[in-house]
Amino acid sequence: VRGLCGTYNWDQQDEFTTPAGDVESGVTAFANQYRASGDCPVLGPVPLQPCDAFAGRREVAEAACAVLHGPAFQ
């Protein structure tokens, strides 16, 4: 398993492994490696704070992220 959810091997040193197999040191550079064919803008050096930009969507985001903490990923 490898991707935006990490490598799932309990080694935190390789959690930011890119599709090319490189390990990025920061979340922004890592996320930019997973952009879908230019459809998404390149992230700048400071990651966006989505809850600040889209406050009304916080509950939806928290519910979607809760799936990652649910039984399917335990």
N, C-alpha and C. Protein backbone atom coordinates (compact mmCIF):
# COMPACT_ATOMS: atom_id res chain seq x y z
N VAL A 1 0.86 -1.17 0.00
CA VAL A 1 0.00 0.00 0.00
C VAL A 1 0.91 1.23 0.00
N ARG A 2 0.65 2.15 -0.92
CA ARG A 2 1.41 3.39 -0.95
C ARG A 2 0.53 4.47 -1.56
N GLY A 3 0.60 5.66 -1.03
CA GLY A 3 -0.17 6.76 -1.57
C GLY A 3 -0.34 7.86 -0.56
N LEU A 4 -1.39 8.62 -0.72
CA LEU A 4 -1.62 9.76 0.16
C LEU A 4 -1.87 9.35 1.60
N CYS A 5 -2.25 8.11 1.83
CA CYS A 5 -2.46 7.64 3.20
C CYS A 5 -1.19 7.06 3.80
N GLY A 6 -0.08 7.13 3.10
CA GLY A 6 1.19 6.62 3.61
C GLY A 6 1.50 5.24 3.05
N THR A 7 2.49 4.60 3.64
CA THR A 7 2.94 3.29 3.16
C THR A 7 2.40 2.15 3.99
N TYR A 8 1.83 2.47 5.13
CA TYR A 8 1.20 1.49 6.02
C TYR A 8 2.15 0.35 6.41
N ASN A 9 3.40 0.74 6.69
CA ASN A 9 4.38 -0.25 7.13
C ASN A 9 4.97 0.10 8.50
N TRP A 10 4.38 1.05 9.17
CA TRP A 10 4.76 1.51 10.51
C TRP A 10 6.12 2.20 10.55
N ASP A 11 6.67 2.57 9.40
CA ASP A 11 7.94 3.29 9.32
C ASP A 11 7.64 4.73 8.90
N GLN A 12 7.70 5.65 9.84
CA GLN A 12 7.34 7.04 9.54
C GLN A 12 8.36 7.73 8.64
N GLN A 13 9.52 7.15 8.43
CA GLN A 13 10.54 7.76 7.58
C GLN A 13 10.17 7.72 6.10
N ASP A 14 9.25 6.85 5.70
CA ASP A 14 8.89 6.76 4.29
C ASP A 14 7.42 7.10 4.01
N GLU A 15 6.78 7.79 4.92
CA GLU A 15 5.36 8.12 4.75
C GLU A 15 5.11 9.05 3.56
N PHE A 16 6.08 9.87 3.19
CA PHE A 16 5.89 10.81 2.08
C PHE A 16 6.53 10.25 0.80
N THR A 17 6.38 8.96 0.54
CA THR A 17 6.90 8.35 -0.68
C THR A 17 6.02 8.73 -1.86
N THR A 18 6.65 9.27 -2.90
CA THR A 18 5.92 9.74 -4.08
C THR A 18 5.65 8.58 -5.05
N PRO A 19 4.82 8.81 -6.06
CA PRO A 19 4.58 7.75 -7.05
C PRO A 19 5.87 7.30 -7.75
N ALA A 20 6.87 8.19 -7.84
CA ALA A 20 8.14 7.84 -8.48
C ALA A 20 9.08 7.09 -7.54
N GLY A 21 8.67 6.95 -6.26
CA GLY A 21 9.49 6.23 -5.29
C GLY A 21 10.42 7.10 -4.48
N ASP A 22 10.42 8.42 -4.72
CA ASP A 22 11.22 9.34 -3.93
C ASP A 22 10.51 9.61 -2.61
N VAL A 23 11.25 10.04 -1.60
CA VAL A 23 10.65 10.41 -0.32
C VAL A 23 10.80 11.91 -0.15
N GLU A 24 9.68 12.61 -0.10
CA GLU A 24 9.69 14.07 0.09
C GLU A 24 9.81 14.38 1.58
N SER A 25 10.38 15.53 1.90
CA SER A 25 10.55 15.91 3.30
C SER A 25 9.39 16.75 3.83
N GLY A 26 8.57 17.31 2.96
CA GLY A 26 7.48 18.17 3.40
C GLY A 26 6.16 17.80 2.75
N VAL A 27 5.09 18.15 3.43
CA VAL A 27 3.75 17.79 2.97
C VAL A 27 3.38 18.47 1.66
N THR A 28 3.82 19.71 1.45
CA THR A 28 3.46 20.43 0.23
C THR A 28 4.09 19.79 -0.99
N ALA A 29 5.39 19.52 -0.93
CA ALA A 29 6.08 18.87 -2.05
C ALA A 29 5.49 17.49 -2.31
N PHE A 30 5.16 16.77 -1.25
CA PHE A 30 4.56 15.44 -1.38
C PHE A 30 3.20 15.52 -2.07
N ALA A 31 2.34 16.42 -1.62
CA ALA A 31 1.00 16.56 -2.20
C ALA A 31 1.08 16.97 -3.66
N ASN A 32 2.02 17.82 -4.02
CA ASN A 32 2.16 18.24 -5.42
C ASN A 32 2.50 17.07 -6.34
N GLN A 33 3.15 16.03 -5.81
CA GLN A 33 3.49 14.86 -6.62
C GLN A 33 2.25 14.04 -6.99
N TYR A 34 1.18 14.21 -6.25
CA TYR A 34 -0.05 13.47 -6.50
C TYR A 34 -1.11 14.28 -7.24
N ARG A 35 -0.73 15.44 -7.78
CA ARG A 35 -1.69 16.25 -8.54
C ARG A 35 -2.18 15.47 -9.74
N ALA A 36 -3.44 15.62 -10.08
CA ALA A 36 -4.05 14.89 -11.20
C ALA A 36 -3.92 15.69 -12.49
N SER A 37 -2.97 15.35 -13.30
CA SER A 37 -2.77 15.90 -14.65
C SER A 37 -3.04 17.39 -14.80
N GLY A 38 -2.54 18.18 -13.89
CA GLY A 38 -2.66 19.62 -14.00
C GLY A 38 -4.03 20.18 -13.67
N ASP A 39 -4.98 19.32 -13.30
CA ASP A 39 -6.32 19.82 -12.96
C ASP A 39 -6.32 20.59 -11.65
N CYS A 40 -5.40 20.28 -10.78
CA CYS A 40 -5.31 20.94 -9.48
C CYS A 40 -4.17 21.94 -9.50
N PRO A 41 -4.32 23.07 -8.81
CA PRO A 41 -3.23 24.04 -8.78
C PRO A 41 -2.06 23.51 -7.95
N VAL A 42 -0.85 23.97 -8.29
CA VAL A 42 0.34 23.62 -7.52
C VAL A 42 0.25 24.32 -6.18
N LEU A 43 0.48 23.57 -5.10
CA LEU A 43 0.46 24.17 -3.78
C LEU A 43 1.71 25.01 -3.57
N GLY A 44 1.57 26.12 -2.89
CA GLY A 44 2.69 26.98 -2.58
C GLY A 44 3.47 26.45 -1.38
N PRO A 45 4.46 27.20 -0.93
CA PRO A 45 5.28 26.72 0.18
C PRO A 45 4.53 26.58 1.51
N VAL A 46 3.44 27.29 1.66
CA VAL A 46 2.65 27.19 2.89
C VAL A 46 1.33 26.52 2.54
N PRO A 47 1.05 25.35 3.12
CA PRO A 47 -0.21 24.67 2.78
C PRO A 47 -1.42 25.51 3.15
N LEU A 48 -2.46 25.38 2.35
CA LEU A 48 -3.72 26.07 2.64
C LEU A 48 -4.34 25.52 3.91
N GLN A 49 -5.11 26.32 4.57
CA GLN A 49 -5.88 25.89 5.73
C GLN A 49 -7.32 25.75 5.27
N PRO A 50 -7.72 24.58 4.79
CA PRO A 50 -9.04 24.43 4.18
C PRO A 50 -10.19 24.78 5.10
N CYS A 51 -10.05 24.57 6.39
CA CYS A 51 -11.16 24.90 7.29
C CYS A 51 -11.33 26.40 7.43
N ASP A 52 -10.24 27.15 7.24
CA ASP A 52 -10.35 28.61 7.27
C ASP A 52 -10.98 29.13 5.97
N ALA A 53 -10.61 28.52 4.84
CA ALA A 53 -11.10 28.98 3.55
C ALA A 53 -12.54 28.55 3.28
N PHE A 54 -12.93 27.39 3.80
CA PHE A 54 -14.26 26.83 3.54
C PHE A 54 -14.92 26.40 4.84
N ALA A 55 -15.12 27.34 5.72
CA ALA A 55 -15.61 27.03 7.07
C ALA A 55 -16.91 26.23 7.05
N GLY A 56 -17.78 26.48 6.10
CA GLY A 56 -19.06 25.78 6.04
C GLY A 56 -18.94 24.30 5.70
N ARG A 57 -17.80 23.88 5.20
CA ARG A 57 -17.60 22.48 4.81
C ARG A 57 -16.86 21.68 5.88
N ARG A 58 -16.58 22.27 7.02
CA ARG A 58 -15.81 21.59 8.07
C ARG A 58 -16.46 20.28 8.50
N GLU A 59 -17.76 20.31 8.73
CA GLU A 59 -18.45 19.10 9.20
C GLU A 59 -18.38 17.99 8.16
N VAL A 60 -18.52 18.35 6.88
CA VAL A 60 -18.44 17.35 5.82
C VAL A 60 -17.04 16.75 5.76
N ALA A 61 -16.03 17.60 5.87
CA ALA A 61 -14.64 17.13 5.84
C ALA A 61 -14.34 16.22 7.02
N GLU A 62 -14.80 16.60 8.21
CA GLU A 62 -14.56 15.78 9.39
C GLU A 62 -15.24 14.42 9.27
N ALA A 63 -16.44 14.39 8.70
CA ALA A 63 -17.14 13.12 8.51
C ALA A 63 -16.41 12.24 7.50
N ALA A 64 -15.91 12.85 6.43
CA ALA A 64 -15.18 12.08 5.42
C ALA A 64 -13.87 11.54 5.99
N CYS A 65 -13.17 12.35 6.77
CA CYS A 65 -11.90 11.91 7.36
C CYS A 65 -12.12 10.86 8.45
N ALA A 66 -13.29 10.86 9.06
CA ALA A 66 -13.57 9.88 10.11
C ALA A 66 -13.54 8.46 9.56
N VAL A 67 -13.79 8.31 8.27
CA VAL A 67 -13.73 6.99 7.65
C VAL A 67 -12.33 6.40 7.82
N LEU A 68 -11.30 7.23 7.74
CA LEU A 68 -9.93 6.74 7.89
C LEU A 68 -9.65 6.23 9.30
N HIS A 69 -10.41 6.69 10.25
CA HIS A 69 -10.24 6.23 11.64
C HIS A 69 -11.20 5.11 11.99
N GLY A 70 -12.02 4.69 11.04
CA GLY A 70 -13.03 3.65 11.26
C GLY A 70 -12.48 2.25 11.12
N PRO A 71 -13.33 1.27 11.26
CA PRO A 71 -12.93 -0.14 11.25
C PRO A 71 -12.24 -0.58 9.97
N ALA A 72 -12.58 0.01 8.84
CA ALA A 72 -11.99 -0.41 7.57
C ALA A 72 -10.47 -0.21 7.54
N PHE A 73 -9.97 0.74 8.32
CA PHE A 73 -8.54 1.05 8.32
C PHE A 73 -7.85 0.67 9.62
N GLN A 74 -8.49 -0.12 10.43
CA GLN A 74 -7.86 -0.54 11.70
C GLN A 74 -7.10 -1.82 11.51
